[in-house]
Amino acid sequence: MGQCRSKKQDFASLCL
């Protein structure tokens, strides 16, 4: 799971 996408508030959950 290396999807560091700074979209909105997803980056905080995806960029973990």
C-alpha atoms as a PDB file:
ATOM      1  CA  MET A   1       0.000   0.000   0.000  1.00  0.00           C
ATOM      2  CA  GLY A   2       2.290   2.751  -1.192  1.00  0.00           C
ATOM      3  CA  GLN A   3      -0.243   5.182  -2.601  1.00  0.00           C
ATOM      4  CA  CYS A   4       0.763   8.554  -1.168  1.00  0.00           C
ATOM      5  CA  ARG A   5      -1.844  10.691  -2.932  1.00  0.00           C
ATOM      6  CA  SER A   6      -2.384  14.120  -1.374  1.00  0.00           C
ATOM      7  CA  LYS A   7      -5.953  14.623  -2.540  1.00  0.00           C
ATOM      8  CA  LYS A   8      -8.014  15.879   0.382  1.00  0.00           C
ATOM      9  CA  GLN A   9      -8.314  14.004   3.654  1.00  0.00           C
ATOM     10  CA  ASP A  10      -7.416  10.687   2.002  1.00  0.00           C
ATOM     11  CA  PHE A  11      -3.687  11.349   2.036  1.00  0.00           C
ATOM     12  CA  ALA A  12      -3.780  11.061   5.824  1.00  0.00           C
ATOM     13  CA  SER A  13      -5.323   7.615   5.561  1.00  0.00           C
ATOM     14  CA  LEU A  14      -3.585   6.446   2.379  1.00  0.00           C
ATOM     15  CA  CYS A  15      -0.217   7.955   3.231  1.00  0.00           C
ATOM     16  CA  LEU A  16       0.057   5.907   6.416  1.00  0.00           C
END
